[in-house]
Amino acid sequence: MNYKGPRQDMPPAGGYEKVHYRRNLPVRGPSGIAIFALVGAISAFGFYKVGQSNAEKRELARERAWSRIYLVPAILAEQDRDAYRRNVAALEREKQIMKDVPGWEAGKSVYNTKHYVPSTVVVI
């Protein structure tokens, strides 16, 4: 046997023919910069609208606060009238209930205090 070693596979003389290829991909959709600009514009518009709604909420809260401030005297007067009416009605009930008790003074406090403590009326 006449063994000369492994035979190596070699290119043909003059080399292989050039592979002709061409990257021919059509443009599909907008470019990355266009998408980035569109997202930025939409975000800017969204932040603008959020700012507008925050300003409107602040204005409504300010208006609500001032309307409450202006209504406080009327509300306090109404509460005072209601407390007076309840006090008079309670005094009349006490007179009616305790009419048979000798020496009972309606409306007189049962406590011996030196200072005035107004009764609190909570109406819910």
PDB file of N, CA and C in Angstrom:
ATOM      1  N   MET A   1       0.811  -1.141   0.000  1.00  0.00           N
ATOM      2  CA  MET A   1       0.000   0.000   0.000  1.00  0.00           C
ATOM      3  C   MET A   1       0.875   1.233   0.000  1.00  0.00           C
ATOM      4  N   ASN A   2       0.449   2.119  -0.787  1.00  0.00           N
ATOM      5  CA  ASN A   2       1.219   3.329  -0.935  1.00  0.00           C
ATOM      6  C   ASN A   2       0.428   4.478  -0.282  1.00  0.00           C
ATOM      7  N   TYR A   3       0.625   4.724   0.969  1.00  0.00           N
ATOM      8  CA  TYR A   3      -0.152   5.728   1.711  1.00  0.00           C
ATOM      9  C   TYR A   3       0.647   6.998   1.824  1.00  0.00           C
ATOM     10  N   LYS A   4       0.098   8.123   1.305  1.00  0.00           N
ATOM     11  CA  LYS A   4       0.813   9.393   1.360  1.00  0.00           C
ATOM     12  C   LYS A   4       0.255  10.324   2.453  1.00  0.00           C
ATOM     13  N   GLY A   5      -0.732   9.900   3.175  1.00  0.00           N
ATOM     14  CA  GLY A   5      -1.364  10.717   4.195  1.00  0.00           C
ATOM     15  C   GLY A   5      -2.747  11.177   3.739  1.00  0.00           C
ATOM     16  N   PRO A   6      -3.385  11.955   4.550  1.00  0.00           N
ATOM     17  CA  PRO A   6      -4.742  12.382   4.185  1.00  0.00           C
ATOM     18  C   PRO A   6      -4.725  13.366   3.021  1.00  0.00           C
ATOM     19  N   ARG A   7      -5.709  13.263   2.213  1.00  0.00           N
ATOM     20  CA  ARG A   7      -5.810  14.175   1.083  1.00  0.00           C
ATOM     21  C   ARG A   7      -6.706  15.339   1.480  1.00  0.00           C
ATOM     22  N   GLN A   8      -6.228  16.546   1.334  1.00  0.00           N
ATOM     23  CA  GLN A   8      -6.977  17.718   1.764  1.00  0.00           C
ATOM     24  C   GLN A   8      -7.820  18.221   0.613  1.00  0.00           C
ATOM     25  N   ASP A   9      -9.067  18.596   0.944  1.00  0.00           N
ATOM     26  CA  ASP A   9      -9.980  19.129  -0.055  1.00  0.00           C
ATOM     27  C   ASP A   9      -9.618  20.578  -0.282  1.00  0.00           C
ATOM     28  N   MET A  10      -9.302  20.977  -1.479  1.00  0.00           N
ATOM     29  CA  MET A  10      -8.824  22.311  -1.788  1.00  0.00           C
ATOM     30  C   MET A  10      -9.765  22.972  -2.791  1.00  0.00           C
ATOM     31  N   PRO A  11      -9.764  24.317  -2.829  1.00  0.00           N
ATOM     32  CA  PRO A  11     -10.589  24.993  -3.815  1.00  0.00           C
ATOM     33  C   PRO A  11     -10.038  24.756  -5.215  1.00  0.00           C
ATOM     34  N   PRO A  12     -10.883  24.936  -6.198  1.00  0.00           N
ATOM     35  CA  PRO A  12     -10.394  24.761  -7.554  1.00  0.00           C
ATOM     36  C   PRO A  12      -9.366  25.828  -7.899  1.00  0.00           C
ATOM     37  N   ALA A  13      -8.638  25.613  -8.892  1.00  0.00           N
ATOM     38  CA  ALA A  13      -7.611  26.583  -9.301  1.00  0.00           C
ATOM     39  C   ALA A  13      -8.283  27.885  -9.697  1.00  0.00           C
ATOM     40  N   GLY A  14      -7.814  28.992  -9.192  1.00  0.00           N
ATOM     41  CA  GLY A  14      -8.407  30.306  -9.475  1.00  0.00           C
ATOM     42  C   GLY A  14      -9.458  30.686  -8.434  1.00  0.00           C
ATOM     43  N   GLY A  15      -9.790  29.779  -7.515  1.00  0.00           N
ATOM     44  CA  GLY A  15     -10.733  30.050  -6.436  1.00  0.00           C
ATOM     45  C   GLY A  15     -12.185  29.859  -6.849  1.00  0.00           C
ATOM     46  N   TYR A  16     -12.995  29.978  -5.877  1.00  0.00           N
ATOM     47  CA  TYR A  16     -14.435  29.849  -6.134  1.00  0.00           C
ATOM     48  C   TYR A  16     -14.982  31.116  -6.757  1.00  0.00           C
ATOM     49  N   GLU A  17     -16.089  30.984  -7.435  1.00  0.00           N
ATOM     50  CA  GLU A  17     -16.759  32.123  -8.032  1.00  0.00           C
ATOM     51  C   GLU A  17     -17.397  32.952  -6.915  1.00  0.00           C
ATOM     52  N   LYS A  18     -17.442  34.274  -7.097  1.00  0.00           N
ATOM     53  CA  LYS A  18     -18.034  35.143  -6.079  1.00  0.00           C
ATOM     54  C   LYS A  18     -19.509  34.821  -5.921  1.00  0.00           C
ATOM     55  N   VAL A  19     -19.953  34.866  -4.665  1.00  0.00           N
ATOM     56  CA  VAL A  19     -21.380  34.661  -4.397  1.00  0.00           C
ATOM     57  C   VAL A  19     -22.051  36.013  -4.565  1.00  0.00           C
ATOM     58  N   HIS A  20     -22.963  36.063  -5.485  1.00  0.00           N
ATOM     59  CA  HIS A  20     -23.673  37.310  -5.745  1.00  0.00           C
ATOM     60  C   HIS A  20     -24.891  37.383  -4.827  1.00  0.00           C
ATOM     61  N   TYR A  21     -24.879  38.344  -3.956  1.00  0.00           N
ATOM     62  CA  TYR A  21     -26.042  38.529  -3.086  1.00  0.00           C
ATOM     63  C   TYR A  21     -26.338  40.019  -3.027  1.00  0.00           C
ATOM     64  N   ARG A  22     -27.556  40.323  -2.725  1.00  0.00           N
ATOM     65  CA  ARG A  22     -27.938  41.706  -2.621  1.00  0.00           C
ATOM     66  C   ARG A  22     -29.002  41.802  -1.539  1.00  0.00           C
ATOM     67  N   ARG A  23     -28.816  42.674  -0.591  1.00  0.00           N
ATOM     68  CA  ARG A  23     -29.795  42.826   0.491  1.00  0.00           C
ATOM     69  C   ARG A  23     -30.886  43.736  -0.052  1.00  0.00           C
ATOM     70  N   ASN A  24     -31.996  43.159  -0.367  1.00  0.00           N
ATOM     71  CA  ASN A  24     -33.097  43.899  -0.969  1.00  0.00           C
ATOM     72  C   ASN A  24     -34.329  43.751  -0.076  1.00  0.00           C
ATOM     73  N   LEU A  25     -34.279  44.397   1.084  1.00  0.00           N
ATOM     74  CA  LEU A  25     -35.421  44.338   1.993  1.00  0.00           C
ATOM     75  C   LEU A  25     -36.201  45.637   1.874  1.00  0.00           C
ATOM     76  N   PRO A  26     -37.487  45.545   1.653  1.00  0.00           N
ATOM     77  CA  PRO A  26     -38.283  46.768   1.536  1.00  0.00           C
ATOM     78  C   PRO A  26     -38.396  47.454   2.903  1.00  0.00           C
ATOM     79  N   VAL A  27     -38.555  48.772   2.897  1.00  0.00           N
ATOM     80  CA  VAL A  27     -38.746  49.528   4.129  1.00  0.00           C
ATOM     81  C   VAL A  27     -40.155  49.242   4.619  1.00  0.00           C
ATOM     82  N   ARG A  28     -40.222  48.756   5.862  1.00  0.00           N
ATOM     83  CA  ARG A  28     -41.538  48.405   6.398  1.00  0.00           C
ATOM     84  C   ARG A  28     -41.809  49.264   7.620  1.00  0.00           C
ATOM     85  N   GLY A  29     -42.696  50.212   7.490  1.00  0.00           N
ATOM     86  CA  GLY A  29     -43.085  51.055   8.612  1.00  0.00           C
ATOM     87  C   GLY A  29     -42.146  52.221   8.817  1.00  0.00           C
ATOM     88  N   PRO A  30     -42.477  53.031   9.819  1.00  0.00           N
ATOM     89  CA  PRO A  30     -41.667  54.228  10.071  1.00  0.00           C
ATOM     90  C   PRO A  30     -40.327  53.859  10.706  1.00  0.00           C
ATOM     91  N   SER A  31     -39.413  54.781  10.626  1.00  0.00           N
ATOM     92  CA  SER A  31     -38.084  54.543  11.184  1.00  0.00           C
ATOM     93  C   SER A  31     -38.126  54.652  12.707  1.00  0.00           C
ATOM     94  N   GLY A  32     -37.046  54.257  13.335  1.00  0.00           N
ATOM     95  CA  GLY A  32     -36.974  54.321  14.798  1.00  0.00           C
ATOM     96  C   GLY A  32     -37.063  55.741  15.317  1.00  0.00           C
ATOM     97  N   ILE A  33     -36.448  56.670  14.605  1.00  0.00           N
ATOM     98  CA  ILE A  33     -36.500  58.072  15.030  1.00  0.00           C
ATOM     99  C   ILE A  33     -37.925  58.609  14.942  1.00  0.00           C
ATOM    100  N   ALA A  34     -38.645  58.220  13.888  1.00  0.00           N
ATOM    101  CA  ALA A  34     -40.027  58.678  13.739  1.00  0.00           C
ATOM    102  C   ALA A  34     -40.898  58.123  14.869  1.00  0.00           C
ATOM    103  N   ILE A  35     -40.722  56.861  15.219  1.00  0.00           N
ATOM    104  CA  ILE A  35     -41.486  56.260  16.318  1.00  0.00           C
ATOM    105  C   ILE A  35     -41.139  56.951  17.638  1.00  0.00           C
ATOM    106  N   PHE A  36     -39.851  57.199  17.858  1.00  0.00           N
ATOM    107  CA  PHE A  36     -39.409  57.869  19.076  1.00  0.00           C
ATOM    108  C   PHE A  36     -40.012  59.272  19.172  1.00  0.00           C
ATOM    109  N   ALA A  37     -40.018  59.991  18.040  1.00  0.00           N
ATOM    110  CA  ALA A  37     -40.591  61.341  18.029  1.00  0.00           C
ATOM    111  C   ALA A  37     -42.095  61.302  18.291  1.00  0.00           C
ATOM    112  N   LEU A  38     -42.788  60.317  17.708  1.00  0.00           N
ATOM    113  CA  LEU A  38     -44.232  60.189  17.916  1.00  0.00           C
ATOM    114  C   LEU A  38     -44.540  59.877  19.372  1.00  0.00           C
ATOM    115  N   VAL A  39     -43.808  58.956  19.974  1.00  0.00           N
ATOM    116  CA  VAL A  39     -44.019  58.622  21.385  1.00  0.00           C
ATOM    117  C   VAL A  39     -43.725  59.838  22.260  1.00  0.00           C
ATOM    118  N   GLY A  40     -42.672  60.574  21.943  1.00  0.00           N
ATOM    119  CA  GLY A  40     -42.349  61.785  22.696  1.00  0.00           C
ATOM    120  C   GLY A  40     -43.449  62.828  22.591  1.00  0.00           C
ATOM    121  N   ALA A  41     -43.993  63.008  21.382  1.00  0.00           N
ATOM    122  CA  ALA A  41     -45.064  63.993  21.193  1.00  0.00           C
ATOM    123  C   ALA A  41     -46.319  63.585  21.955  1.00  0.00           C
ATOM    124  N   ILE A  42     -46.669  62.306  21.900  1.00  0.00           N
ATOM    125  CA  ILE A  42     -47.849  61.826  22.629  1.00  0.00           C
ATOM    126  C   ILE A  42     -47.647  61.989  24.134  1.00  0.00           C
ATOM    127  N   SER A  43     -46.446  61.675  24.618  1.00  0.00           N
ATOM    128  CA  SER A  43     -46.158  61.832  26.050  1.00  0.00           C
ATOM    129  C   SER A  43     -46.218  63.293  26.460  1.00  0.00           C
ATOM    130  N   ALA A  44     -45.670  64.175  25.640  1.00  0.00           N
ATOM    131  CA  ALA A  44     -45.705  65.608  25.960  1.00  0.00           C
ATOM    132  C   ALA A  44     -47.142  66.110  26.013  1.00  0.00           C
ATOM    133  N   PHE A  45     -47.960  65.691  25.068  1.00  0.00           N
ATOM    134  CA  PHE A  45     -49.370  66.095  25.073  1.00  0.00           C
ATOM    135  C   PHE A  45     -50.072  65.555  26.315  1.00  0.00           C
ATOM    136  N   GLY A  46     -49.770  64.301  26.680  1.00  0.00           N
ATOM    137  CA  GLY A  46     -50.373  63.713  27.878  1.00  0.00           C
ATOM    138  C   GLY A  46     -49.990  64.468  29.139  1.00  0.00           C
ATOM    139  N   PHE A  47     -48.710  64.831  29.264  1.00  0.00           N
ATOM    140  CA  PHE A  47     -48.276  65.592  30.431  1.00  0.00           C
ATOM    141  C   PHE A  47     -48.919  66.982  30.446  1.00  0.00           C
ATOM    142  N   TYR A  48     -49.108  67.566  29.268  1.00  0.00           N
ATOM    143  CA  TYR A  48     -49.777  68.864  29.181  1.00  0.00           C
ATOM    144  C   TYR A  48     -51.212  68.758  29.701  1.00  0.00           C
ATOM    145  N   LYS A  49     -51.926  67.713  29.277  1.00  0.00           N
ATOM    146  CA  LYS A  49     -53.307  67.523  29.718  1.00  0.00           C
ATOM    147  C   LYS A  49     -53.375  67.231  31.216  1.00  0.00           C
ATOM    148  N   VAL A  50     -52.423  66.450  31.736  1.00  0.00           N
ATOM    149  CA  VAL A  50     -52.383  66.179  33.172  1.00  0.00           C
ATOM    150  C   VAL A  50     -52.164  67.479  33.939  1.00  0.00           C
ATOM    151  N   GLY A  51     -51.280  68.322  33.447  1.00  0.00           N
ATOM    152  CA  GLY A  51     -51.047  69.616  34.083  1.00  0.00           C
ATOM    153  C   GLY A  51     -52.298  70.480  34.083  1.00  0.00           C
ATOM    154  N   GLN A  52     -53.015  70.481  32.968  1.00  0.00           N
ATOM    155  CA  GLN A  52     -54.258  71.247  32.900  1.00  0.00           C
ATOM    156  C   GLN A  52     -55.283  70.729  33.900  1.00  0.00           C
ATOM    157  N   SER A  53     -55.431  69.403  33.985  1.00  0.00           N
ATOM    158  CA  SER A  53     -56.415  68.845  34.913  1.00  0.00           C
ATOM    159  C   SER A  53     -56.007  69.088  36.355  1.00  0.00           C
ATOM    160  N   ASN A  54     -54.700  69.059  36.651  1.00  0.00           N
ATOM    161  CA  ASN A  54     -54.248  69.377  38.009  1.00  0.00           C
ATOM    162  C   ASN A  54     -54.560  70.826  38.361  1.00  0.00           C
ATOM    163  N   ALA A  55     -54.362  71.729  37.419  1.00  0.00           N
ATOM    164  CA  ALA A  55     -54.682  73.136  37.663  1.00  0.00           C
ATOM    165  C   ALA A  55     -56.180  73.313  37.898  1.00  0.00           C
ATOM    166  N   GLU A  56     -56.994  72.594  37.126  1.00  0.00           N
ATOM    167  CA  GLU A  56     -58.445  72.687  37.304  1.00  0.00           C
ATOM    168  C   GLU A  56     -58.862  72.124  38.662  1.00  0.00           C
ATOM    169  N   LYS A  57     -58.235  71.010  39.065  1.00  0.00           N
ATOM    170  CA  LYS A  57     -58.553  70.439  40.386  1.00  0.00           C
ATOM    171  C   LYS A  57     -58.171  71.402  41.505  1.00  0.00           C
ATOM    172  N   ARG A  58     -57.014  72.055  41.363  1.00  0.00           N
ATOM    173  CA  ARG A  58     -56.612  73.044  42.363  1.00  0.00           C
ATOM    174  C   ARG A  58     -57.610  74.189  42.442  1.00  0.00           C
ATOM    175  N   GLU A  59     -58.064  74.659  41.286  1.00  0.00           N
ATOM    176  CA  GLU A  59     -59.029  75.760  41.256  1.00  0.00           C
ATOM    177  C   GLU A  59     -60.352  75.340  41.890  1.00  0.00           C
ATOM    178  N   LEU A  60     -60.808  74.126  41.601  1.00  0.00           N
ATOM    179  CA  LEU A  60     -62.058  73.646  42.203  1.00  0.00           C
ATOM    180  C   LEU A  60     -61.910  73.478  43.710  1.00  0.00           C
ATOM    181  N   ALA A  61     -60.759  72.991  44.165  1.00  0.00           N
ATOM    182  CA  ALA A  61     -60.531  72.842  45.604  1.00  0.00           C
ATOM    183  C   ALA A  61     -60.501  74.210  46.279  1.00  0.00           C
ATOM    184  N   ARG A  62     -59.861  75.197  45.624  1.00  0.00           N
ATOM    185  CA  ARG A  62     -59.827  76.557  46.170  1.00  0.00           C
ATOM    186  C   ARG A  62     -61.232  77.134  46.251  1.00  0.00           C
ATOM    187  N   GLU A  63     -62.014  76.928  45.196  1.00  0.00           N
ATOM    188  CA  GLU A  63     -63.380  77.434  45.175  1.00  0.00           C
ATOM    189  C   GLU A  63     -64.227  76.767  46.261  1.00  0.00           C
ATOM    190  N   ARG A  64     -64.056  75.455  46.432  1.00  0.00           N
ATOM    191  CA  ARG A  64     -64.802  74.724  47.458  1.00  0.00           C
ATOM    192  C   ARG A  64     -64.422  75.235  48.860  1.00  0.00           C
ATOM    193  N   ALA A  65     -63.129  75.475  49.075  1.00  0.00           N
ATOM    194  CA  ALA A  65     -62.670  75.965  50.377  1.00  0.00           C
ATOM    195  C   ALA A  65     -63.245  77.352  50.670  1.00  0.00           C
ATOM    196  N   TRP A  66     -63.196  78.241  49.681  1.00  0.00           N
ATOM    197  CA  TRP A  66     -63.720  79.584  49.914  1.00  0.00           C
ATOM    198  C   TRP A  66     -65.232  79.572  50.078  1.00  0.00           C
ATOM    199  N   SER A  67     -65.934  78.693  49.372  1.00  0.00           N
ATOM    200  CA  SER A  67     -67.394  78.628  49.557  1.00  0.00           C
ATOM    201  C   SER A  67     -67.723  78.152  50.966  1.00  0.00           C
ATOM    202  N   ARG A  68     -66.919  77.216  51.498  1.00  0.00           N
ATOM    203  CA  ARG A  68     -67.132  76.785  52.882  1.00  0.00           C
ATOM    204  C   ARG A  68     -66.834  77.918  53.847  1.00  0.00           C
ATOM    205  N   ILE A  69     -65.754  78.669  53.569  1.00  0.00           N
ATOM    206  CA  ILE A  69     -65.404  79.797  54.444  1.00  0.00           C
ATOM    207  C   ILE A  69     -66.541  80.820  54.456  1.00  0.00           C
ATOM    208  N   TYR A  70     -67.123  81.105  53.296  1.00  0.00           N
ATOM    209  CA  TYR A  70     -68.211  82.076  53.232  1.00  0.00           C
ATOM    210  C   TYR A  70     -69.479  81.554  53.888  1.00  0.00           C
ATOM    211  N   LEU A  71     -69.668  80.232  53.910  1.00  0.00           N
ATOM    212  CA  LEU A  71     -70.883  79.665  54.489  1.00  0.00           C
ATOM    213  C   LEU A  71     -70.789  79.434  55.995  1.00  0.00           C
ATOM    214  N   VAL A  72     -69.603  79.532  56.568  1.00  0.00           N
ATOM    215  CA  VAL A  72     -69.431  79.241  57.996  1.00  0.00           C
ATOM    216  C   VAL A  72     -70.342  80.095  58.873  1.00  0.00           C
ATOM    217  N   PRO A  73     -70.455  81.407  58.679  1.00  0.00           N
ATOM    218  CA  PRO A  73     -71.356  82.178  59.542  1.00  0.00           C
ATOM    219  C   PRO A  73     -72.810  81.719  59.456  1.00  0.00           C
ATOM    220  N   ALA A  74     -73.260  81.408  58.256  1.00  0.00           N
ATOM    221  CA  ALA A  74     -74.645  80.938  58.108  1.00  0.00           C
ATOM    222  C   ALA A  74     -74.835  79.584  58.783  1.00  0.00           C
ATOM    223  N   ILE A  75     -73.857  78.709  58.648  1.00  0.00           N
ATOM    224  CA  ILE A  75     -73.954  77.387  59.268  1.00  0.00           C
ATOM    225  C   ILE A  75     -73.933  77.510  60.783  1.00  0.00           C
ATOM    226  N   LEU A  76     -73.042  78.375  61.308  1.00  0.00           N
ATOM    227  CA  LEU A  76     -72.995  78.581  62.755  1.00  0.00           C
ATOM    228  C   LEU A  76     -74.300  79.179  63.277  1.00  0.00           C
ATOM    229  N   ALA A  77     -74.872  80.144  62.550  1.00  0.00           N
ATOM    230  CA  ALA A  77     -76.144  80.733  62.967  1.00  0.00           C
ATOM    231  C   ALA A  77     -77.246  79.674  62.972  1.00  0.00           C
ATOM    232  N   GLU A  78     -77.253  78.829  61.969  1.00  0.00           N
ATOM    233  CA  GLU A  78     -78.255  77.759  61.909  1.00  0.00           C
ATOM    234  C   GLU A  78     -78.072  76.787  63.070  1.00  0.00           C
ATOM    235  N   GLN A  79     -76.825  76.465  63.399  1.00  0.00           N
ATOM    236  CA  GLN A  79     -76.574  75.573  64.536  1.00  0.00           C
ATOM    237  C   GLN A  79     -76.994  76.228  65.847  1.00  0.00           C
ATOM    238  N   ASP A  80     -76.751  77.540  65.974  1.00  0.00           N
ATOM    239  CA  ASP A  80     -77.162  78.246  67.189  1.00  0.00           C
ATOM    240  C   ASP A  80     -78.682  78.246  67.326  1.00  0.00           C
ATOM    241  N   ARG A  81     -79.394  78.508  66.225  1.00  0.00           N
ATOM    242  CA  ARG A  81     -80.861  78.478  66.261  1.00  0.00           C
ATOM    243  C   ARG A  81     -81.364  77.094  66.623  1.00  0.00           C
ATOM    244  N   ASP A  82     -80.720  76.063  66.054  1.00  0.00           N
ATOM    245  CA  ASP A  82     -81.132  74.696  66.351  1.00  0.00           C
ATOM    246  C   ASP A  82     -80.864  74.345  67.818  1.00  0.00           C
ATOM    247  N   ALA A  83     -79.701  74.757  68.333  1.00  0.00           N
ATOM    248  CA  ALA A  83     -79.380  74.481  69.738  1.00  0.00           C
ATOM    249  C   ALA A  83     -80.361  75.199  70.660  1.00  0.00           C
ATOM    250  N   TYR A  84     -80.712  76.452  70.346  1.00  0.00           N
ATOM    251  CA  TYR A  84     -81.687  77.180  71.158  1.00  0.00           C
ATOM    252  C   TYR A  84     -83.043  76.491  71.127  1.00  0.00           C
ATOM    253  N   ARG A  85     -83.475  76.093  69.945  1.00  0.00           N
ATOM    254  CA  ARG A  85     -84.767  75.410  69.823  1.00  0.00           C
ATOM    255  C   ARG A  85     -84.776  74.111  70.624  1.00  0.00           C
ATOM    256  N   ARG A  86     -83.680  73.351  70.548  1.00  0.00           N
ATOM    257  CA  ARG A  86     -83.591  72.101  71.308  1.00  0.00           C
ATOM    258  C   ARG A  86     -83.576  72.370  72.815  1.00  0.00           C
ATOM    259  N   ASN A  87     -82.888  73.444  73.237  1.00  0.00           N
ATOM    260  CA  ASN A  87     -82.820  73.780  74.645  1.00  0.00           C
ATOM    261  C   ASN A  87     -84.204  74.157  75.178  1.00  0.00           C
ATOM    262  N   VAL A  88     -84.931  74.969  74.425  1.00  0.00           N
ATOM    263  CA  VAL A  88     -86.284  75.366  74.833  1.00  0.00           C
ATOM    264  C   VAL A  88     -87.197  74.141  74.892  1.00  0.00           C
ATOM    265  N   ALA A  89     -87.113  73.266  73.907  1.00  0.00           N
ATOM    266  CA  ALA A  89     -87.945  72.061  73.895  1.00  0.00           C
ATOM    267  C   ALA A  89     -87.599  71.153  75.069  1.00  0.00           C
ATOM    268  N   ALA A  90     -86.296  71.023  75.395  1.00  0.00           N
ATOM    269  CA  ALA A  90     -85.896  70.189  76.525  1.00  0.00           C
ATOM    270  C   ALA A  90     -86.401  70.778  77.836  1.00  0.00           C
ATOM    271  N   LEU A  91     -86.349  72.117  77.945  1.00  0.00           N
ATOM    272  CA  LEU A  91     -86.852  72.776  79.150  1.00  0.00           C
ATOM    273  C   LEU A  91     -88.356  72.544  79.304  1.00  0.00           C
ATOM    274  N   GLU A  92     -89.092  72.647  78.217  1.00  0.00           N
ATOM    275  CA  GLU A  92     -90.541  72.394  78.258  1.00  0.00           C
ATOM    276  C   GLU A  92     -90.833  70.937  78.630  1.00  0.00           C
ATOM    277  N   ARG A  93     -90.061  70.003  78.075  1.00  0.00           N
ATOM    278  CA  ARG A  93     -90.251  68.590  78.444  1.00  0.00           C
ATOM    279  C   ARG A  93     -89.965  68.371  79.921  1.00  0.00           C
ATOM    280  N   GLU A  94     -88.876  69.014  80.408  1.00  0.00           N
ATOM    281  CA  GLU A  94     -88.523  68.863  81.822  1.00  0.00           C
ATOM    282  C   GLU A  94     -89.625  69.423  82.710  1.00  0.00           C
ATOM    283  N   LYS A  95     -90.201  70.582  82.340  1.00  0.00           N
ATOM    284  CA  LYS A  95     -91.303  71.154  83.114  1.00  0.00           C
ATOM    285  C   LYS A  95     -92.499  70.211  83.127  1.00  0.00           C
ATOM    286  N   GLN A  96     -92.786  69.630  81.979  1.00  0.00           N
ATOM    287  CA  GLN A  96     -93.941  68.727  81.867  1.00  0.00           C
ATOM    288  C   GLN A  96     -93.716  67.458  82.688  1.00  0.00           C
ATOM    289  N   ILE A  97     -92.499  66.902  82.614  1.00  0.00           N
ATOM    290  CA  ILE A  97     -92.216  65.643  83.320  1.00  0.00           C
ATOM    291  C   ILE A  97     -92.156  65.864  84.832  1.00  0.00           C
ATOM    292  N   MET A  98     -91.548  66.949  85.282  1.00  0.00           N
ATOM    293  CA  MET A  98     -91.293  67.166  86.707  1.00  0.00           C
ATOM    294  C   MET A  98     -92.331  68.088  87.365  1.00  0.00           C
ATOM    295  N   LYS A  99     -93.495  68.250  86.745  1.00  0.00           N
ATOM    296  CA  LYS A  99     -94.498  69.164  87.295  1.00  0.00           C
ATOM    297  C   LYS A  99     -95.027  68.710  88.654  1.00  0.00           C
ATOM    298  N   ASP A 100     -94.982  67.403  88.939  1.00  0.00           N
ATOM    299  CA  ASP A 100     -95.519  66.877  90.200  1.00  0.00           C
ATOM    300  C   ASP A 100     -94.483  66.843  91.314  1.00  0.00           C
ATOM    301  N   VAL A 101     -93.234  67.202  91.030  1.00  0.00           N
ATOM    302  CA  VAL A 101     -92.175  67.162  92.041  1.00  0.00           C
ATOM    303  C   VAL A 101     -92.106  68.534  92.717  1.00  0.00           C
ATOM    304  N   PRO A 102     -92.335  68.572  94.065  1.00  0.00           N
ATOM    305  CA  PRO A 102     -92.310  69.874  94.737  1.00  0.00           C
ATOM    306  C   PRO A 102     -90.882  70.414  94.839  1.00  0.00           C
ATOM    307  N   GLY A 103     -90.706  71.696  94.639  1.00  0.00           N
ATOM    308  CA  GLY A 103     -89.412  72.350  94.768  1.00  0.00           C
ATOM    309  C   GLY A 103     -88.485  72.176  93.579  1.00  0.00           C
ATOM    310  N   TRP A 104     -88.956  71.538  92.519  1.00  0.00           N
ATOM    311  CA  TRP A 104     -88.100  71.327  91.345  1.00  0.00           C
ATOM    312  C   TRP A 104     -88.130  72.555  90.459  1.00  0.00           C
ATOM    313  N   GLU A 105     -86.967  73.070  90.156  1.00  0.00           N
ATOM    314  CA  GLU A 105     -86.872  74.207  89.247  1.00  0.00           C
ATOM    315  C   GLU A 105     -86.375  73.708  87.891  1.00  0.00           C
ATOM    316  N   ALA A 106     -87.197  73.851  86.874  1.00  0.00           N
ATOM    317  CA  ALA A 106     -86.827  73.379  85.541  1.00  0.00           C
ATOM    318  C   ALA A 106     -85.713  74.242  84.972  1.00  0.00           C
ATOM    319  N   GLY A 107     -84.697  73.599  84.435  1.00  0.00           N
ATOM    320  CA  GLY A 107     -83.593  74.309  83.805  1.00  0.00           C
ATOM    321  C   GLY A 107     -82.451  74.597  84.747  1.00  0.00           C
ATOM    322  N   LYS A 108     -82.635  74.389  86.053  1.00  0.00           N
ATOM    323  CA  LYS A 108     -81.565  74.645  87.002  1.00  0.00           C
ATOM    324  C   LYS A 108     -80.610  73.452  86.975  1.00  0.00           C
ATOM    325  N   SER A 109     -79.324  73.729  86.972  1.00  0.00           N
ATOM    326  CA  SER A 109     -78.329  72.668  86.912  1.00  0.00           C
ATOM    327  C   SER A 109     -78.292  71.892  88.213  1.00  0.00           C
ATOM    328  N   VAL A 110     -78.088  70.606  88.118  1.00  0.00           N
ATOM    329  CA  VAL A 110     -77.957  69.777  89.318  1.00  0.00           C
ATOM    330  C   VAL A 110     -76.522  69.782  89.821  1.00  0.00           C
ATOM    331  N   TYR A 111     -75.623  70.399  89.080  1.00  0.00           N
ATOM    332  CA  TYR A 111     -74.220  70.466  89.471  1.00  0.00           C
ATOM    333  C   TYR A 111     -73.917  71.815  90.108  1.00  0.00           C
ATOM    334  N   ASN A 112     -73.008  71.832  91.044  1.00  0.00           N
ATOM    335  CA  ASN A 112     -72.619  73.076  91.713  1.00  0.00           C
ATOM    336  C   ASN A 112     -71.300  73.562  91.114  1.00  0.00           C
ATOM    337  N   THR A 113     -71.381  74.124  89.953  1.00  0.00           N
ATOM    338  CA  THR A 113     -70.174  74.628  89.295  1.00  0.00           C
ATOM    339  C   THR A 113     -70.205  76.142  89.285  1.00  0.00           C
ATOM    340  N   LYS A 114     -69.029  76.734  89.298  1.00  0.00           N
ATOM    341  CA  LYS A 114     -68.919  78.192  89.327  1.00  0.00           C
ATOM    342  C   LYS A 114     -68.832  78.804  87.929  1.00  0.00           C
ATOM    343  N   HIS A 115     -68.544  77.980  86.912  1.00  0.00           N
ATOM    344  CA  HIS A 115     -68.401  78.520  85.557  1.00  0.00           C
ATOM    345  C   HIS A 115     -69.412  77.853  84.623  1.00  0.00           C
ATOM    346  N   TYR A 116     -69.670  78.534  83.535  1.00  0.00           N
ATOM    347  CA  TYR A 116     -70.664  78.066  82.569  1.00  0.00           C
ATOM    348  C   TYR A 116     -70.041  77.044  81.626  1.00  0.00           C
ATOM    349  N   VAL A 117     -70.700  75.916  81.471  1.00  0.00           N
ATOM    350  CA  VAL A 117     -70.275  74.890  80.526  1.00  0.00           C
ATOM    351  C   VAL A 117     -71.427  74.660  79.558  1.00  0.00           C
ATOM    352  N   PRO A 118     -71.304  75.118  78.322  1.00  0.00           N
ATOM    353  CA  PRO A 118     -72.416  74.953  77.382  1.00  0.00           C
ATOM    354  C   PRO A 118     -72.602  73.484  76.995  1.00  0.00           C
ATOM    355  N   SER A 119     -73.848  73.124  76.786  1.00  0.00           N
ATOM    356  CA  SER A 119     -74.105  71.755  76.340  1.00  0.00           C
ATOM    357  C   SER A 119     -73.759  71.668  74.857  1.00  0.00           C
ATOM    358  N   THR A 120     -73.222  70.542  74.487  1.00  0.00           N
ATOM    359  CA  THR A 120     -72.835  70.359  73.092  1.00  0.00           C
ATOM    360  C   THR A 120     -73.911  69.538  72.390  1.00  0.00           C
ATOM    361  N   VAL A 121     -74.255  69.989  71.208  1.00  0.00           N
ATOM    362  CA  VAL A 121     -75.254  69.292  70.418  1.00  0.00           C
ATOM    363  C   VAL A 121     -74.579  68.853  69.135  1.00  0.00           C
ATOM    364  N   VAL A 122     -74.534  67.561  68.907  1.00  0.00           N
ATOM    365  CA  VAL A 122     -73.939  67.033  67.687  1.00  0.00           C
ATOM    366  C   VAL A 122     -75.069  66.448  66.853  1.00  0.00           C
ATOM    367  N   VAL A 123     -75.305  67.044  65.706  1.00  0.00           N
ATOM    368  CA  VAL A 123     -76.357  66.565  64.808  1.00  0.00           C
ATOM    369  C   VAL A 123     -75.690  65.959  63.603  1.00  0.00           C
ATOM    370  N   ILE A 124     -75.965  64.719  63.354  1.00  0.00           N
ATOM    371  CA  ILE A 124     -75.358  64.031  62.215  1.00  0.00           C
ATOM    372  C   ILE A 124     -76.390  63.835  61.128  1.00  0.00           C
TER     373      ILE A 124
END
